[in-house]
Amino acid sequence: MDEAQQQRLRAEEERLFSAFGTIRNADEARAFLLDVCSPKEIADLAQRLQVATLLAGGASYVAVSRQTGASSTTVSRVSKCLNGRAGGYRMVLGRIGDGDGGGADGNSGGGTAPGAVSE
């Protein structure tokens, strides 16, 4: 991929991030994800969120892998992101009330994210 193609891809990635920023609720998120992702991709994303939730709650890699069916590579990758600089998992888990982050709304209870996709 040449430099011009890389720049166009980065611009489209920014456009995608902006598109997510326009989503107002779980129904809109569901509609967009069902259009943009395959059912397998949505299931994979839901599994990663479940892995992050369990890891944030203190579960071991082995327990998380057994409970979710995620590979050790996926569990490790999610753990790295969960503890990484971007903070996306921590932010979302705090907002939906999962994990040990608590969240700005003070909700630290468990539960399933609205609109979660199951396999």
Protein backbone atom coordinates (compact mmCIF):
# COMPACT_ATOMS: atom_id res chain seq x y z
CA MET A 1 0.00 0.00 0.00
CA ASP A 2 1.48 3.31 -1.03
CA GLU A 3 1.49 6.52 1.05
CA ALA A 4 -1.57 7.99 -0.71
CA GLN A 5 -3.57 4.82 -0.05
CA GLN A 6 -2.50 4.85 3.61
CA GLN A 7 -3.63 8.47 3.96
CA ARG A 8 -7.01 7.69 2.40
CA LEU A 9 -7.43 4.72 4.74
CA ARG A 10 -6.58 6.85 7.79
CA ALA A 11 -9.13 9.44 6.64
CA GLU A 12 -11.79 6.75 6.26
CA GLU A 13 -10.92 5.37 9.71
CA GLU A 14 -11.48 8.84 11.16
CA ARG A 15 -14.77 9.03 9.28
CA LEU A 16 -15.78 5.67 10.78
CA PHE A 17 -14.91 6.88 14.30
CA SER A 18 -17.01 10.00 13.65
CA ALA A 19 -19.87 7.80 12.44
CA PHE A 20 -19.81 5.90 15.74
CA GLY A 21 -19.91 9.23 17.53
CA THR A 22 -23.26 10.03 15.93
CA ILE A 23 -24.94 6.96 17.44
CA ARG A 24 -27.46 7.99 20.10
CA ASN A 25 -28.65 4.71 21.64
CA ALA A 26 -28.43 0.92 21.58
CA ASP A 27 -31.03 0.60 18.81
CA GLU A 28 -29.00 2.87 16.53
CA ALA A 29 -25.80 1.02 17.45
CA ARG A 30 -27.46 -2.29 16.63
CA ALA A 31 -28.72 -1.00 13.25
CA PHE A 32 -25.31 0.38 12.28
CA LEU A 33 -23.36 -2.69 13.40
CA LEU A 34 -25.78 -5.05 11.64
CA ASP A 35 -25.16 -3.11 8.43
CA VAL A 36 -21.39 -2.72 8.83
CA CYS A 37 -20.40 -6.08 10.34
CA SER A 38 -21.10 -9.70 9.59
CA PRO A 39 -22.93 -11.73 12.26
CA LYS A 40 -19.60 -13.44 13.06
CA GLU A 41 -17.84 -10.09 13.51
CA ILE A 42 -20.60 -8.91 15.86
CA ALA A 43 -20.35 -12.17 17.84
CA ASP A 44 -16.56 -11.72 18.05
CA LEU A 45 -16.96 -8.15 19.32
CA ALA A 46 -19.54 -9.26 21.90
CA GLN A 47 -17.18 -12.03 23.04
CA ARG A 48 -14.32 -9.55 23.46
CA LEU A 49 -16.53 -7.31 25.58
CA GLN A 50 -17.47 -10.32 27.72
CA VAL A 51 -13.76 -11.18 28.08
CA ALA A 52 -12.98 -7.60 29.12
CA THR A 53 -15.81 -7.65 31.65
CA LEU A 54 -14.56 -10.86 33.25
CA LEU A 55 -10.94 -9.72 33.28
CA ALA A 56 -11.89 -6.38 34.81
CA GLY A 57 -13.74 -8.33 37.49
CA GLY A 58 -10.54 -10.20 38.37
CA ALA A 59 -11.10 -13.53 36.61
CA SER A 60 -8.05 -15.51 35.53
CA TYR A 61 -7.13 -15.96 31.87
CA VAL A 62 -7.96 -19.68 32.11
CA ALA A 63 -11.36 -19.06 33.70
CA VAL A 64 -12.18 -16.39 31.12
CA SER A 65 -11.19 -18.65 28.23
CA ARG A 66 -13.27 -21.53 29.62
CA GLN A 67 -16.33 -19.37 30.32
CA THR A 68 -16.34 -17.46 27.02
CA GLY A 69 -14.76 -19.93 24.62
CA ALA A 70 -12.24 -17.25 23.63
CA SER A 71 -8.76 -18.37 22.66
CA SER A 72 -5.84 -17.60 24.95
CA THR A 73 -4.61 -15.19 22.25
CA THR A 74 -7.89 -13.27 22.33
CA VAL A 75 -7.91 -13.15 26.13
CA SER A 76 -4.33 -11.89 26.13
CA ARG A 77 -5.06 -9.25 23.47
CA VAL A 78 -8.13 -8.00 25.34
CA SER A 79 -6.16 -7.87 28.58
CA LYS A 80 -3.45 -5.82 26.91
CA CYS A 81 -6.06 -3.38 25.61
CA LEU A 82 -7.95 -3.32 28.91
CA ASN A 83 -4.77 -2.21 30.63
CA GLY A 84 -3.52 -0.08 27.75
CA ARG A 85 -3.40 3.65 27.13
CA ALA A 86 -6.45 4.04 24.89
CA GLY A 87 -8.84 3.15 27.71
CA GLY A 88 -11.76 2.20 25.48
CA TYR A 89 -12.74 -0.94 27.34
CA ARG A 90 -12.47 0.79 30.74
CA MET A 91 -14.57 3.70 29.54
CA VAL A 92 -17.32 1.50 28.09
CA LEU A 93 -17.34 -0.95 31.01
CA GLY A 94 -17.67 1.96 33.41
CA ARG A 95 -20.55 3.41 31.42
CA ILE A 96 -22.51 0.17 31.14
CA GLY A 97 -21.80 -0.70 34.76
CA ASP A 98 -19.65 -3.80 34.22
CA GLY A 99 -16.17 -4.55 35.52
CA ASP A 100 -14.58 -2.88 38.51
CA GLY A 101 -14.47 0.60 36.96
CA GLY A 102 -17.73 1.73 38.56
CA GLY A 103 -18.49 4.45 36.06
CA ALA A 104 -19.44 8.09 36.25
CA ASP A 105 -23.07 7.21 37.00
CA GLY A 106 -22.05 5.30 40.13
CA ASN A 107 -23.47 2.07 38.77
CA SER A 108 -21.12 -0.74 39.62
CA GLY A 109 -23.59 -3.58 39.19
CA GLY A 110 -23.27 -6.28 36.56
CA GLY A 111 -25.54 -6.98 33.69
CA THR A 112 -25.69 -7.25 29.98
CA ALA A 113 -25.16 -4.28 27.74
CA PRO A 114 -28.29 -3.09 26.00
CA GLY A 115 -28.45 -4.58 22.55
CA ALA A 116 -25.79 -7.21 23.27
CA VAL A 117 -25.56 -9.84 20.57
CA SER A 118 -25.42 -13.46 21.61
CA GLU A 119 -24.21 -16.42 19.59
